[in-house]
Protein backbone atom coordinates (compact mmCIF):
# COMPACT_ATOMS: atom_id res chain seq x y z
CA MET A 1 -10.22 -25.04 35.29
CA LEU A 2 -11.38 -25.93 31.54
CA GLN A 3 -14.17 -28.50 32.92
CA GLY A 4 -16.73 -25.65 32.80
CA MET A 5 -15.83 -24.67 29.88
CA ASN A 6 -18.69 -24.36 26.82
CA TRP A 7 -16.37 -25.91 23.95
CA SER A 8 -18.95 -25.41 21.69
CA ARG A 9 -19.20 -21.65 22.25
CA SER A 10 -15.43 -21.26 22.55
CA ARG A 11 -14.84 -22.72 18.89
CA GLN A 12 -17.43 -20.63 17.65
CA LEU A 13 -15.47 -17.74 18.93
CA ALA A 14 -12.53 -19.07 17.18
CA LEU A 15 -14.48 -19.70 13.94
CA VAL A 16 -15.48 -16.14 14.32
CA LEU A 17 -12.02 -14.91 14.87
CA ARG A 18 -10.60 -17.01 12.10
CA SER A 19 -13.03 -15.20 9.63
CA ALA A 20 -12.45 -12.11 11.00
CA VAL A 21 -8.63 -12.87 10.13
CA LEU A 22 -9.15 -14.33 6.84
CA VAL A 23 -11.41 -11.16 5.76
CA SER A 24 -8.97 -8.33 7.46
CA LEU A 25 -5.66 -9.60 6.07
CA PRO A 26 -6.35 -8.90 2.20
CA LEU A 27 -8.34 -5.90 3.21
CA VAL A 28 -5.16 -4.07 4.47
CA LEU A 29 -3.19 -5.14 1.61
CA VAL A 30 -6.03 -3.86 -0.59
CA LEU A 31 -6.61 -0.26 1.31
CA SER A 32 -3.04 0.62 2.05
CA PRO A 33 -2.16 3.07 0.00
CA ASP A 34 0.76 2.02 -2.43
CA LYS A 35 3.75 4.83 -0.64
CA VAL A 36 3.14 3.17 2.89
CA LEU A 37 4.39 -0.42 1.47
CA MET A 38 6.92 0.97 -0.99
CA ASP A 39 8.63 3.55 1.37
CA ALA A 40 8.70 1.14 4.20
CA PRO A 41 11.98 -0.71 5.55
CA ALA A 42 13.16 -4.20 4.77
CA ILE A 43 11.91 -6.45 7.58
CA CYS A 44 13.52 -9.49 5.70
CA LEU A 45 16.31 -10.52 8.54
CA PHE A 46 18.24 -12.39 6.02
CA ARG A 47 18.72 -9.24 3.68
CA ASN A 48 18.81 -6.85 7.20
CA ILE A 49 22.00 -9.43 8.04
CA THR A 50 23.49 -10.03 4.95
CA GLY A 51 22.59 -7.05 2.60
CA MET A 52 21.63 -9.67 0.18
CA GLU A 53 17.97 -10.35 -0.84
CA CYS A 54 16.60 -13.73 -0.50
CA TYR A 55 14.01 -15.55 -2.64
CA GLY A 56 11.18 -13.92 -0.62
CA CYS A 57 12.47 -10.41 -0.73
CA GLY A 58 9.67 -8.11 -2.25
CA MET A 59 7.07 -10.60 -2.04
CA THR A 60 4.62 -8.61 0.09
CA ARG A 61 5.09 -5.64 -2.22
CA GLY A 62 4.53 -7.98 -5.36
CA ILE A 63 1.06 -9.54 -3.93
CA HIS A 64 0.29 -5.50 -3.09
CA ALA A 65 0.78 -4.61 -6.49
CA ILE A 66 -0.98 -7.16 -8.11
CA LEU A 67 -3.82 -6.55 -5.62
CA HIS A 68 -3.42 -3.43 -7.08
CA GLY A 69 -3.67 -4.13 -10.62
CA HIS A 70 0.21 -3.13 -11.29
CA PHE A 71 1.11 -6.31 -12.77
CA ALA A 72 4.38 -5.43 -14.35
CA ALA A 73 5.56 -3.73 -10.75
CA ALA A 74 4.56 -6.76 -9.29
CA ILE A 75 7.38 -8.72 -11.41
CA GLU A 76 9.69 -6.08 -11.21
CA PHE A 77 9.83 -6.80 -7.23
CA ASN A 78 9.75 -10.44 -7.57
CA LYS A 79 9.36 -12.50 -10.49
CA ALA A 80 8.22 -15.55 -8.13
CA VAL A 81 4.76 -13.80 -7.71
CA VAL A 82 3.88 -15.14 -11.02
CA VAL A 83 3.34 -18.70 -9.35
CA VAL A 84 2.82 -17.46 -5.72
CA ALA A 85 0.04 -15.37 -6.03
CA PRO A 86 -2.09 -17.61 -7.77
CA ILE A 87 -1.07 -19.95 -5.24
CA LEU A 88 -1.97 -17.68 -2.33
CA ALA A 89 -5.38 -16.75 -3.72
CA VAL A 90 -6.47 -20.49 -4.12
CA THR A 91 -5.40 -21.29 -0.34
CA TRP A 92 -7.00 -18.20 0.94
CA MET A 93 -10.55 -18.87 -1.04
CA ARG A 94 -10.14 -22.38 0.22
CA ALA A 95 -9.79 -21.25 3.80
CA MET A 96 -12.99 -18.82 3.49
CA TYR A 97 -14.89 -21.77 2.19
CA ASP A 98 -13.86 -24.65 4.76
CA THR A 99 -14.60 -21.73 7.38
CA TRP A 100 -18.24 -20.52 6.05
CA CYS A 101 -19.30 -24.02 5.56
CA VAL A 102 -18.35 -25.17 9.26
CA PHE A 103 -20.12 -21.18 10.08
CA LEU A 104 -23.32 -22.85 7.70
CA ARG A 105 -23.09 -26.15 9.29
CA GLU A 106 -23.29 -25.26 12.73
CA GLY A 107 -25.81 -22.71 12.14
CA SER A 108 -25.96 -19.62 14.22
CA ILE A 109 -23.52 -18.20 16.79
CA GLY A 110 -25.86 -18.25 19.39
CA ARG A 111 -26.46 -21.57 18.99
CA THR A 112 -24.45 -24.16 21.44
CA ASP A 113 -26.51 -27.00 21.54
CA ARG A 114 -24.60 -28.91 19.12
CA SER A 115 -21.36 -30.33 19.32
CA PHE A 116 -18.74 -28.48 17.12
CA SER A 117 -17.02 -31.60 14.66
């Protein structure tokens, strides 16, 4: 079944999909209004079962607040956002850089004459 598959084409598709995900995730947080995320119910399983906040509670709201320039609010949501946000930003930039380096090395999306390494 997989013998006739063009691996180079499928890897190029995976590269485009990875790029789309990497671009869309921060855009969702940047473009979403404050009220949508702040009024949403908690999705933390630990908090929903025990009623207590875990170490990660408030992190999504904190990252959202940082992306909107509300640094004091971000620290109120979760103090660890001061450490996590820069690490997340560097990790995201590295993933984007790696993805686009592969894309540039391989050439255009339609090319299938070279193997994807």
